Amino acid sequence: MLVKNKDAYRNYEHTDSYTGGLVLTGGEVKSLKKSQGSLQGAYLTLNQNKKGANELFLKNTFIPPYQIKNTGNGYDPEQPRKVLVSSREIAGLEKDLNNKGTTIIPIAITLDGRFIKIQFATARGKKRFDKRQDLKARAQKRDLERDVKGTSKVTFK
């Protein structure tokens, strides 16, 4: 895993997950292999190309240049990047986006052999009480595991 979106599980409820390829330049690939970059605030959108077919783009992702002095003047670290997915997956994404409050968020950028892949999911934002319930459940699970191990903080004499 090269870059991970930490807010993906905390702030969103995932429905379907997908994997696609990323179209990157050589310097961006080298930068990602050094685990530089950020998916904070990133999202994916469907745009129509000139032929009328939908394409998927990753927006608001920060990938710094690999070597600042060798980067051209026109390089934008937050430029939209094309995501390569099949037309069948795009049709499924269109269906999922018709539901109110649904968005496409990136989960992680990974290395698959020599290819850079992006894992993304259709998701719906969590409400504040959902987040609190998740924190309570995590705390209860942690306390239960402590009790099972016998390392509970509470000791009786």
Protein backbone atom coordinates (compact mmCIF):
# COMPACT_ATOMS: atom_id res chain seq x y z
CA MET A 1 0.00 0.00 0.00
CA LEU A 2 1.54 3.27 -1.12
CA VAL A 3 -0.97 5.88 0.08
CA LYS A 4 -4.03 5.34 2.30
CA ASN A 5 -7.09 7.51 2.92
CA LYS A 6 -7.48 7.45 6.70
CA ASP A 7 -10.86 9.19 6.65
CA ALA A 8 -12.42 6.63 4.29
CA TYR A 9 -13.62 4.27 7.02
CA ARG A 10 -14.15 6.87 9.73
CA ASN A 11 -16.43 9.23 7.80
CA TYR A 12 -18.13 6.97 5.24
CA GLU A 13 -20.23 3.81 5.05
CA HIS A 14 -19.03 1.73 2.09
CA THR A 15 -21.45 -0.06 -0.22
CA ASP A 16 -19.42 -1.40 -3.18
CA SER A 17 -15.67 -1.40 -3.72
CA TYR A 18 -13.74 -1.35 -6.99
CA THR A 19 -10.17 -1.35 -8.28
CA GLY A 20 -8.86 0.57 -11.26
CA GLY A 21 -5.63 1.67 -12.87
CA LEU A 22 -4.27 5.21 -12.63
CA VAL A 23 -2.85 7.21 -15.53
CA LEU A 24 0.30 8.87 -14.16
CA THR A 25 3.54 10.38 -15.39
CA GLY A 26 6.92 8.84 -14.54
CA GLY A 27 7.72 11.41 -11.85
CA GLU A 28 4.35 10.83 -10.19
CA VAL A 29 4.96 7.08 -10.09
CA LYS A 30 8.36 7.58 -8.46
CA SER A 31 6.87 9.99 -5.97
CA LEU A 32 4.11 7.51 -5.04
CA LYS A 33 6.62 4.68 -4.67
CA LYS A 34 8.34 6.82 -2.03
CA SER A 35 4.90 6.97 -0.27
CA GLN A 36 4.59 10.68 -0.92
CA GLY A 37 1.12 11.95 -1.65
CA SER A 38 -2.20 12.40 0.06
CA LEU A 39 -5.79 11.27 -0.51
CA GLN A 40 -7.27 13.63 2.11
CA GLY A 41 -10.32 15.30 0.59
CA ALA A 42 -10.00 13.35 -2.67
CA TYR A 43 -13.00 12.11 -4.64
CA LEU A 44 -13.83 10.55 -7.99
CA THR A 45 -16.18 11.95 -10.64
CA LEU A 46 -17.74 10.71 -13.85
CA ASN A 47 -17.20 13.02 -16.84
CA GLN A 48 -18.28 12.60 -20.45
CA ASN A 49 -15.59 12.60 -23.10
CA LYS A 50 -15.98 13.97 -26.65
CA LYS A 51 -17.53 10.72 -27.88
CA GLY A 52 -20.22 10.81 -25.18
CA ALA A 53 -18.85 7.93 -23.10
CA ASN A 54 -18.31 8.41 -19.38
CA GLU A 55 -14.81 8.42 -17.91
CA LEU A 56 -13.74 8.30 -14.26
CA PHE A 57 -11.37 10.95 -12.86
CA LEU A 58 -9.61 11.23 -9.50
CA LYS A 59 -9.71 14.80 -8.25
CA ASN A 60 -8.18 16.77 -5.38
CA THR A 61 -5.34 14.27 -4.86
CA PHE A 62 -1.96 15.69 -3.94
CA ILE A 63 1.05 13.99 -5.56
CA PRO A 64 4.19 16.12 -5.19
CA PRO A 65 6.86 16.16 -7.90
CA TYR A 66 9.62 13.58 -7.53
CA GLN A 67 12.41 16.07 -8.16
CA ILE A 68 11.34 19.68 -7.83
CA LYS A 69 14.18 21.07 -9.94
CA ASN A 70 13.49 18.66 -12.83
CA THR A 71 9.74 19.31 -12.91
CA GLY A 72 8.34 21.55 -15.61
CA ASN A 73 6.66 24.86 -14.87
CA GLY A 74 3.20 23.56 -15.79
CA TYR A 75 3.09 20.70 -13.27
CA ASP A 76 0.07 20.84 -10.96
CA PRO A 77 0.29 18.40 -8.00
CA GLU A 78 -3.52 18.39 -7.64
CA GLN A 79 -4.43 17.89 -11.30
CA PRO A 80 -7.26 15.45 -12.17
CA ARG A 81 -5.99 11.97 -13.00
CA LYS A 82 -7.82 9.47 -15.17
CA VAL A 83 -8.86 6.14 -13.62
CA LEU A 84 -8.99 3.13 -15.94
CA VAL A 85 -12.04 0.92 -15.33
CA SER A 86 -14.25 -1.18 -17.59
CA SER A 87 -17.43 0.21 -19.11
CA ARG A 88 -19.43 -2.35 -17.09
CA GLU A 89 -18.02 -0.93 -13.84
CA ILE A 90 -18.80 2.63 -14.99
CA ALA A 91 -22.41 1.60 -15.64
CA GLY A 92 -22.58 0.17 -12.10
CA LEU A 93 -21.13 3.39 -10.68
CA GLU A 94 -23.73 5.46 -12.55
CA LYS A 95 -26.49 3.36 -11.01
CA ASP A 96 -25.03 3.74 -7.51
CA LEU A 97 -24.65 7.51 -7.90
CA ASN A 98 -28.37 7.88 -8.62
CA ASN A 99 -29.02 7.22 -4.92
CA LYS A 100 -29.17 10.38 -2.85
CA GLY A 101 -26.09 11.14 -0.75
CA THR A 102 -23.84 8.60 -2.50
CA THR A 103 -20.34 9.52 -3.61
CA ILE A 104 -17.20 7.77 -4.86
CA ILE A 105 -14.20 8.00 -2.54
CA PRO A 106 -10.67 6.64 -2.90
CA ILE A 107 -9.55 4.18 -0.24
CA ALA A 108 -5.92 3.53 -1.15
CA ILE A 109 -3.32 3.65 -3.90
CA THR A 110 -1.49 0.35 -4.15
CA LEU A 111 1.27 -1.29 -6.16
CA ASP A 112 0.13 -4.38 -8.08
CA GLY A 113 3.18 -5.87 -9.74
CA ARG A 114 4.49 -3.01 -11.84
CA PHE A 115 1.14 -1.22 -12.03
CA ILE A 116 -0.21 1.51 -9.77
CA LYS A 117 -3.82 0.73 -8.81
CA ILE A 118 -6.42 2.70 -6.92
CA GLN A 119 -8.99 1.12 -4.65
CA PHE A 120 -12.20 3.12 -4.40
CA ALA A 121 -15.74 2.62 -3.16
CA THR A 122 -19.20 4.06 -3.45
CA ALA A 123 -20.05 5.41 -0.04
CA ARG A 124 -22.50 7.42 1.98
CA GLY A 125 -21.39 9.87 4.67
CA LYS A 126 -21.84 8.84 8.30
CA LYS A 127 -23.79 10.97 10.73
CA ARG A 128 -22.30 12.05 14.04
CA PHE A 129 -24.20 9.43 16.07
CA ASP A 130 -22.97 6.67 13.73
CA LYS A 131 -19.39 7.71 14.43
CA ARG A 132 -20.05 7.65 18.19
CA GLN A 133 -21.52 4.15 17.96
CA ASP A 134 -18.44 2.97 16.08
CA LEU A 135 -16.17 4.41 18.79
CA LYS A 136 -18.22 2.71 21.52
CA ALA A 137 -18.14 -0.64 19.72
CA ARG A 138 -14.36 -0.38 19.22
CA ALA A 139 -13.83 0.46 22.92
CA GLN A 140 -16.03 -2.45 24.04
CA LYS A 141 -14.15 -4.83 21.75
CA ARG A 142 -10.81 -3.62 23.10
CA ASP A 143 -11.99 -4.05 26.72
CA LEU A 144 -13.28 -7.54 25.98
CA GLU A 145 -9.96 -8.55 24.44
CA ARG A 146 -8.13 -7.20 27.50
CA ASP A 147 -10.38 -9.23 29.82
CA VAL A 148 -9.80 -12.38 27.79
CA LYS A 149 -6.04 -11.91 27.97
CA GLY A 150 -6.27 -11.23 31.71
CA THR A 151 -4.60 -7.83 31.48
CA SER A 152 -7.58 -5.79 32.58
CA LYS A 153 -6.85 -2.47 34.23
CA VAL A 154 -9.30 -3.23 37.05
CA THR A 155 -7.89 -5.57 39.70
CA PHE A 156 -9.66 -6.81 42.80
CA LYS A 157 -7.93 -7.53 46.13
